[in-house]
């Protein structure tokens, strides 16, 4: 039982750091400010379903398309980099062409919540943690994501308009740094495979 709790806590912390829902608050507020629809329940549910499915069939899906984890992570890193450029420079690169103007699936669910970092972590955690413990940790993270997305206006009031602006720029740089780290760490692995 103690081992299960330790595994759940360890998996929770890893996923919490990678999902970084609190760090993404300025991004969510930015899309909401632009009139884009963000559905908290759908975002949490889709992200949970996608990540749970990837936990079981991730390796098989990537092998099916002859794509290795490093290539997948690099592609995701580029998307995250573009989002960070939008945040830092206040420009629009990502054109929302989703039906009904919803940003719930892209880019909220993928790549912000269920991104290459979390996918890679899920595949590596399978080797050391029980699957049920990983799923519980994932579920706890998605409950947290739901509450943050549901209370964006409260968060905005809590930190203020200027606070949101500063956070957006700051976390844009953090997001850019994460994308660069994800890119470089996986590029070296990809180049060594040739």
C-alpha atoms as a PDB file:
ATOM      1  CA  UNK A   1       0.000   0.000   0.000  1.00  0.00           C
ATOM      2  CA  UNK A   2       2.839   2.410   0.938  1.00  0.00           C
ATOM      3  CA  UNK A   3       4.571   1.585  -2.344  1.00  0.00           C
ATOM      4  CA  UNK A   4       1.369   2.400  -4.254  1.00  0.00           C
ATOM      5  CA  UNK A   5       1.036   5.804  -2.542  1.00  0.00           C
ATOM      6  CA  UNK A   6       4.720   6.554  -3.247  1.00  0.00           C
ATOM      7  CA  UNK A   7       4.296   5.607  -6.909  1.00  0.00           C
ATOM      8  CA  UNK A   8       1.098   7.678  -7.238  1.00  0.00           C
ATOM      9  CA  UNK A   9       2.798  10.713  -5.650  1.00  0.00           C
ATOM     10  CA  UNK A  10       5.917  10.317  -7.817  1.00  0.00           C
ATOM     11  CA  UNK A  11       3.874   9.954 -11.014  1.00  0.00           C
ATOM     12  CA  UNK A  12       1.636  12.872  -9.956  1.00  0.00           C
ATOM     13  CA  UNK A  13       4.607  15.205  -9.428  1.00  0.00           C
ATOM     14  CA  UNK A  14       6.215  14.274 -12.758  1.00  0.00           C
ATOM     15  CA  UNK A  15       2.951  14.754 -14.673  1.00  0.00           C
ATOM     16  CA  UNK A  16       2.109  17.960 -12.767  1.00  0.00           C
ATOM     17  CA  UNK A  17       5.460  19.473 -13.743  1.00  0.00           C
ATOM     18  CA  UNK A  18       5.043  18.476 -17.392  1.00  0.00           C
ATOM     19  CA  UNK A  19       1.366  19.440 -17.747  1.00  0.00           C
ATOM     20  CA  UNK A  20       2.122  22.705 -15.875  1.00  0.00           C
ATOM     21  CA  UNK A  21      -1.519  23.827 -15.720  1.00  0.00           C
ATOM     22  CA  UNK A  22      -0.745  26.793 -13.448  1.00  0.00           C
ATOM     23  CA  UNK A  23       2.017  27.971 -15.764  1.00  0.00           C
ATOM     24  CA  UNK A  24      -0.394  27.721 -18.688  1.00  0.00           C
ATOM     25  CA  UNK A  25      -3.032  29.996 -17.075  1.00  0.00           C
ATOM     26  CA  UNK A  26      -1.883  33.036 -19.137  1.00  0.00           C
ATOM     27  CA  UNK A  27      -2.251  30.977 -22.339  1.00  0.00           C
ATOM     28  CA  UNK A  28      -5.788  29.894 -21.387  1.00  0.00           C
ATOM     29  CA  UNK A  29      -6.721  33.470 -20.482  1.00  0.00           C
ATOM     30  CA  UNK A  30      -5.259  34.696 -23.775  1.00  0.00           C
ATOM     31  CA  UNK A  31      -7.459  32.341 -25.828  1.00  0.00           C
ATOM     32  CA  UNK A  32     -10.487  33.230 -23.700  1.00  0.00           C
ATOM     33  CA  UNK A  33      -9.774  36.957 -24.185  1.00  0.00           C
ATOM     34  CA  UNK A  34      -9.680  36.423 -27.964  1.00  0.00           C
ATOM     35  CA  UNK A  35     -13.210  34.971 -27.776  1.00  0.00           C
ATOM     36  CA  UNK A  36     -12.089  31.368 -28.276  1.00  0.00           C
ATOM     37  CA  UNK A  37     -14.116  28.748 -26.460  1.00  0.00           C
ATOM     38  CA  UNK A  38     -12.325  26.710 -23.764  1.00  0.00           C
ATOM     39  CA  UNK A  39     -14.491  23.962 -22.246  1.00  0.00           C
ATOM     40  CA  UNK A  40     -12.979  22.868 -18.874  1.00  0.00           C
ATOM     41  CA  UNK A  41     -14.775  19.499 -18.656  1.00  0.00           C
ATOM     42  CA  UNK A  42     -14.096  18.545 -22.284  1.00  0.00           C
ATOM     43  CA  UNK A  43     -10.441  19.630 -22.050  1.00  0.00           C
ATOM     44  CA  UNK A  44      -9.878  17.565 -18.878  1.00  0.00           C
ATOM     45  CA  UNK A  45     -11.773  14.545 -20.217  1.00  0.00           C
ATOM     46  CA  UNK A  46     -10.125  14.573 -23.678  1.00  0.00           C
ATOM     47  CA  UNK A  47      -6.655  14.984 -22.161  1.00  0.00           C
ATOM     48  CA  UNK A  48      -7.296  12.123 -19.704  1.00  0.00           C
ATOM     49  CA  UNK A  49      -8.634   9.796 -22.419  1.00  0.00           C
ATOM     50  CA  UNK A  50      -5.817  10.653 -24.864  1.00  0.00           C
ATOM     51  CA  UNK A  51      -3.060  10.192 -22.276  1.00  0.00           C
ATOM     52  CA  UNK A  52      -4.568   6.978 -20.869  1.00  0.00           C
ATOM     53  CA  UNK A  53      -4.905   5.569 -24.389  1.00  0.00           C
ATOM     54  CA  UNK A  54      -1.329   6.598 -25.179  1.00  0.00           C
ATOM     55  CA  UNK A  55      -0.156   4.869 -21.994  1.00  0.00           C
ATOM     56  CA  UNK A  56      -1.414   1.560 -23.418  1.00  0.00           C
ATOM     57  CA  UNK A  57      -0.907   1.927 -27.175  1.00  0.00           C
ATOM     58  CA  UNK A  58       1.682   4.736 -27.516  1.00  0.00           C
ATOM     59  CA  UNK A  59       4.582   2.511 -28.534  1.00  0.00           C
ATOM     60  CA  UNK A  60       2.396   0.593 -30.973  1.00  0.00           C
ATOM     61  CA  UNK A  61       0.992   3.771 -32.614  1.00  0.00           C
ATOM     62  CA  UNK A  62       4.443   5.273 -33.127  1.00  0.00           C
ATOM     63  CA  UNK A  63       5.778   1.975 -34.522  1.00  0.00           C
ATOM     64  CA  UNK A  64       2.755   1.716 -36.823  1.00  0.00           C
ATOM     65  CA  UNK A  65       3.695   5.027 -38.462  1.00  0.00           C
ATOM     66  CA  UNK A  66       7.399   4.222 -38.223  1.00  0.00           C
ATOM     67  CA  UNK A  67       7.929   7.220 -35.915  1.00  0.00           C
ATOM     68  CA  UNK A  68      10.239   6.999 -32.923  1.00  0.00           C
ATOM     69  CA  UNK A  69       9.612   8.803 -29.620  1.00  0.00           C
ATOM     70  CA  UNK A  70      12.413  11.321 -30.324  1.00  0.00           C
ATOM     71  CA  UNK A  71      10.886  12.420 -33.652  1.00  0.00           C
ATOM     72  CA  UNK A  72       7.481  12.732 -32.003  1.00  0.00           C
ATOM     73  CA  UNK A  73       8.899  14.836 -29.167  1.00  0.00           C
ATOM     74  CA  UNK A  74      10.740  17.128 -31.624  1.00  0.00           C
ATOM     75  CA  UNK A  75       7.520  17.748 -33.608  1.00  0.00           C
ATOM     76  CA  UNK A  76       5.673  18.607 -30.391  1.00  0.00           C
ATOM     77  CA  UNK A  77       8.539  20.850 -29.266  1.00  0.00           C
ATOM     78  CA  UNK A  78       8.162  22.919 -32.465  1.00  0.00           C
ATOM     79  CA  UNK A  79       4.431  23.436 -31.781  1.00  0.00           C
ATOM     80  CA  UNK A  80       5.173  24.491 -28.191  1.00  0.00           C
ATOM     81  CA  UNK A  81       7.874  26.860 -29.499  1.00  0.00           C
ATOM     82  CA  UNK A  82       5.353  28.563 -31.821  1.00  0.00           C
ATOM     83  CA  UNK A  83       2.891  29.016 -28.930  1.00  0.00           C
ATOM     84  CA  UNK A  84       5.672  30.563 -26.822  1.00  0.00           C
ATOM     85  CA  UNK A  85       6.514  32.993 -29.659  1.00  0.00           C
ATOM     86  CA  UNK A  86       2.850  34.076 -29.716  1.00  0.00           C
ATOM     87  CA  UNK A  87       2.943  34.717 -25.964  1.00  0.00           C
ATOM     88  CA  UNK A  88       6.228  36.617 -25.875  1.00  0.00           C
ATOM     89  CA  UNK A  89       5.797  38.811 -28.968  1.00  0.00           C
ATOM     90  CA  UNK A  90       2.001  39.166 -28.915  1.00  0.00           C
ATOM     91  CA  UNK A  91       1.613  37.903 -32.487  1.00  0.00           C
ATOM     92  CA  UNK A  92      -0.789  35.315 -33.882  1.00  0.00           C
ATOM     93  CA  UNK A  93       0.839  32.359 -35.599  1.00  0.00           C
ATOM     94  CA  UNK A  94      -1.658  29.674 -34.662  1.00  0.00           C
ATOM     95  CA  UNK A  95      -4.791  30.222 -36.718  1.00  0.00           C
ATOM     96  CA  UNK A  96      -7.818  28.750 -34.975  1.00  0.00           C
ATOM     97  CA  UNK A  97      -9.584  26.803 -37.714  1.00  0.00           C
ATOM     98  CA  UNK A  98     -11.425  24.450 -35.348  1.00  0.00           C
ATOM     99  CA  UNK A  99     -15.200  24.102 -35.911  1.00  0.00           C
ATOM    100  CA  UNK A 100     -17.140  26.692 -33.918  1.00  0.00           C
ATOM    101  CA  UNK A 101     -13.967  28.521 -32.892  1.00  0.00           C
ATOM    102  CA  UNK A 102     -13.152  26.076 -30.108  1.00  0.00           C
ATOM    103  CA  UNK A 103      -9.576  25.877 -28.866  1.00  0.00           C
ATOM    104  CA  UNK A 104     -10.389  23.006 -26.500  1.00  0.00           C
ATOM    105  CA  UNK A 105      -8.838  20.199 -28.563  1.00  0.00           C
ATOM    106  CA  UNK A 106      -6.014  22.151 -30.255  1.00  0.00           C
ATOM    107  CA  UNK A 107      -3.957  23.693 -28.708  1.00  0.00           C
ATOM    108  CA  UNK A 108      -5.394  23.291 -25.154  1.00  0.00           C
ATOM    109  CA  UNK A 109      -5.618  19.468 -25.005  1.00  0.00           C
ATOM    110  CA  UNK A 110      -2.763  18.951 -27.470  1.00  0.00           C
ATOM    111  CA  UNK A 111       0.001  19.991 -27.046  1.00  0.00           C
ATOM    112  CA  UNK A 112      -0.486  22.041 -23.839  1.00  0.00           C
ATOM    113  CA  UNK A 113      -2.059  19.382 -21.574  1.00  0.00           C
ATOM    114  CA  UNK A 114      -1.338  16.149 -23.436  1.00  0.00           C
ATOM    115  CA  UNK A 115       1.922  17.018 -25.140  1.00  0.00           C
ATOM    116  CA  UNK A 116       5.054  15.187 -26.234  1.00  0.00           C
ATOM    117  CA  UNK A 117       6.641  15.664 -22.808  1.00  0.00           C
ATOM    118  CA  UNK A 118       3.772  13.916 -21.013  1.00  0.00           C
ATOM    119  CA  UNK A 119       3.554  11.213 -23.701  1.00  0.00           C
ATOM    120  CA  UNK A 120       7.275  10.479 -23.411  1.00  0.00           C
ATOM    121  CA  UNK A 121       7.036  10.467 -19.589  1.00  0.00           C
ATOM    122  CA  UNK A 122       4.049   8.086 -19.669  1.00  0.00           C
ATOM    123  CA  UNK A 123       5.963   5.626 -21.844  1.00  0.00           C
ATOM    124  CA  UNK A 124       9.027   5.753 -19.580  1.00  0.00           C
ATOM    125  CA  UNK A 125       6.974   5.537 -16.325  1.00  0.00           C
ATOM    126  CA  UNK A 126       5.374   2.302 -17.519  1.00  0.00           C
ATOM    127  CA  UNK A 127       8.747   0.630 -17.058  1.00  0.00           C
ATOM    128  CA  UNK A 128       8.934   1.458 -13.316  1.00  0.00           C
ATOM    129  CA  UNK A 129       5.374   2.142 -12.048  1.00  0.00           C
ATOM    130  CA  UNK A 130       2.210   0.050 -11.960  1.00  0.00           C
ATOM    131  CA  UNK A 131      -0.231   1.175 -14.664  1.00  0.00           C
ATOM    132  CA  UNK A 132      -3.082   1.663 -12.148  1.00  0.00           C
ATOM    133  CA  UNK A 133      -0.908   4.048 -10.093  1.00  0.00           C
ATOM    134  CA  UNK A 134      -0.044   6.080 -13.211  1.00  0.00           C
ATOM    135  CA  UNK A 135      -3.745   6.314 -14.148  1.00  0.00           C
ATOM    136  CA  UNK A 136      -4.673   7.498 -10.618  1.00  0.00           C
ATOM    137  CA  UNK A 137      -1.912  10.151 -10.766  1.00  0.00           C
ATOM    138  CA  UNK A 138      -3.155  11.204 -14.202  1.00  0.00           C
ATOM    139  CA  UNK A 139      -6.762  11.421 -12.963  1.00  0.00           C
ATOM    140  CA  UNK A 140      -5.723  13.624 -10.012  1.00  0.00           C
ATOM    141  CA  UNK A 141      -3.884  15.935 -12.401  1.00  0.00           C
ATOM    142  CA  UNK A 142      -6.935  16.191 -14.667  1.00  0.00           C
ATOM    143  CA  UNK A 143      -9.174  17.066 -11.697  1.00  0.00           C
ATOM    144  CA  UNK A 144      -6.746  19.896 -10.918  1.00  0.00           C
ATOM    145  CA  UNK A 145      -6.763  20.984 -14.586  1.00  0.00           C
ATOM    146  CA  UNK A 146     -10.591  21.072 -14.538  1.00  0.00           C
ATOM    147  CA  UNK A 147     -10.683  23.321 -11.459  1.00  0.00           C
ATOM    148  CA  UNK A 148      -8.063  25.710 -12.858  1.00  0.00           C
ATOM    149  CA  UNK A 149      -9.837  25.991 -16.239  1.00  0.00           C
ATOM    150  CA  UNK A 150     -13.218  26.360 -14.520  1.00  0.00           C
ATOM    151  CA  UNK A 151     -11.984  29.256 -12.369  1.00  0.00           C
ATOM    152  CA  UNK A 152      -9.899  31.237 -14.872  1.00  0.00           C
ATOM    153  CA  UNK A 153     -11.813  34.460 -14.146  1.00  0.00           C
ATOM    154  CA  UNK A 154     -11.117  34.071 -10.420  1.00  0.00           C
ATOM    155  CA  UNK A 155      -7.419  33.481 -11.154  1.00  0.00           C
ATOM    156  CA  UNK A 156      -7.411  36.557 -13.408  1.00  0.00           C
ATOM    157  CA  UNK A 157      -9.008  38.680 -10.661  1.00  0.00           C
ATOM    158  CA  UNK A 158      -6.532  37.268  -8.153  1.00  0.00           C
ATOM    159  CA  UNK A 159      -3.451  38.317 -10.119  1.00  0.00           C
ATOM    160  CA  UNK A 160      -4.892  41.288 -12.048  1.00  0.00           C
ATOM    161  CA  UNK A 161      -4.581  42.361 -15.703  1.00  0.00           C
ATOM    162  CA  UNK A 162      -0.951  43.506 -15.390  1.00  0.00           C
ATOM    163  CA  UNK A 163      -0.145  40.297 -13.507  1.00  0.00           C
ATOM    164  CA  UNK A 164      -1.610  38.243 -16.362  1.00  0.00           C
ATOM    165  CA  UNK A 165       0.448  40.264 -18.876  1.00  0.00           C
ATOM    166  CA  UNK A 166       3.680  39.714 -16.915  1.00  0.00           C
ATOM    167  CA  UNK A 167       2.841  36.021 -16.388  1.00  0.00           C
ATOM    168  CA  UNK A 168       2.105  35.572 -20.110  1.00  0.00           C
ATOM    169  CA  UNK A 169       5.531  36.977 -21.066  1.00  0.00           C
ATOM    170  CA  UNK A 170       7.328  35.104 -18.288  1.00  0.00           C
ATOM    171  CA  UNK A 171       5.697  31.741 -18.975  1.00  0.00           C
ATOM    172  CA  UNK A 172       6.150  32.317 -22.698  1.00  0.00           C
ATOM    173  CA  UNK A 173       9.899  32.332 -22.052  1.00  0.00           C
ATOM    174  CA  UNK A 174       9.589  29.277 -19.764  1.00  0.00           C
ATOM    175  CA  UNK A 175       7.564  27.482 -22.445  1.00  0.00           C
ATOM    176  CA  UNK A 176      10.181  28.420 -25.057  1.00  0.00           C
ATOM    177  CA  UNK A 177      12.933  27.055 -22.795  1.00  0.00           C
ATOM    178  CA  UNK A 178      10.978  23.789 -22.320  1.00  0.00           C
ATOM    179  CA  UNK A 179      10.505  23.476 -26.087  1.00  0.00           C
ATOM    180  CA  UNK A 180      14.230  24.089 -26.722  1.00  0.00           C
ATOM    181  CA  UNK A 181      15.207  21.528 -24.050  1.00  0.00           C
ATOM    182  CA  UNK A 182      12.719  18.999 -25.462  1.00  0.00           C
ATOM    183  CA  UNK A 183      14.062  19.677 -28.968  1.00  0.00           C
ATOM    184  CA  UNK A 184      17.791  19.441 -28.138  1.00  0.00           C
ATOM    185  CA  UNK A 185      17.536  16.429 -25.799  1.00  0.00           C
ATOM    186  CA  UNK A 186      15.608  14.445 -28.395  1.00  0.00           C
ATOM    187  CA  UNK A 187      17.610  15.693 -31.378  1.00  0.00           C
ATOM    188  CA  UNK A 188      20.826  14.231 -29.986  1.00  0.00           C
ATOM    189  CA  UNK A 189      19.099  10.873 -29.518  1.00  0.00           C
ATOM    190  CA  UNK A 190      17.647  11.057 -33.021  1.00  0.00           C
ATOM    191  CA  UNK A 191      21.012  11.941 -34.654  1.00  0.00           C
ATOM    192  CA  UNK A 192      22.805   9.123 -32.808  1.00  0.00           C
ATOM    193  CA  UNK A 193      20.304   6.629 -34.251  1.00  0.00           C
ATOM    194  CA  UNK A 194      21.446   7.415 -37.833  1.00  0.00           C
END
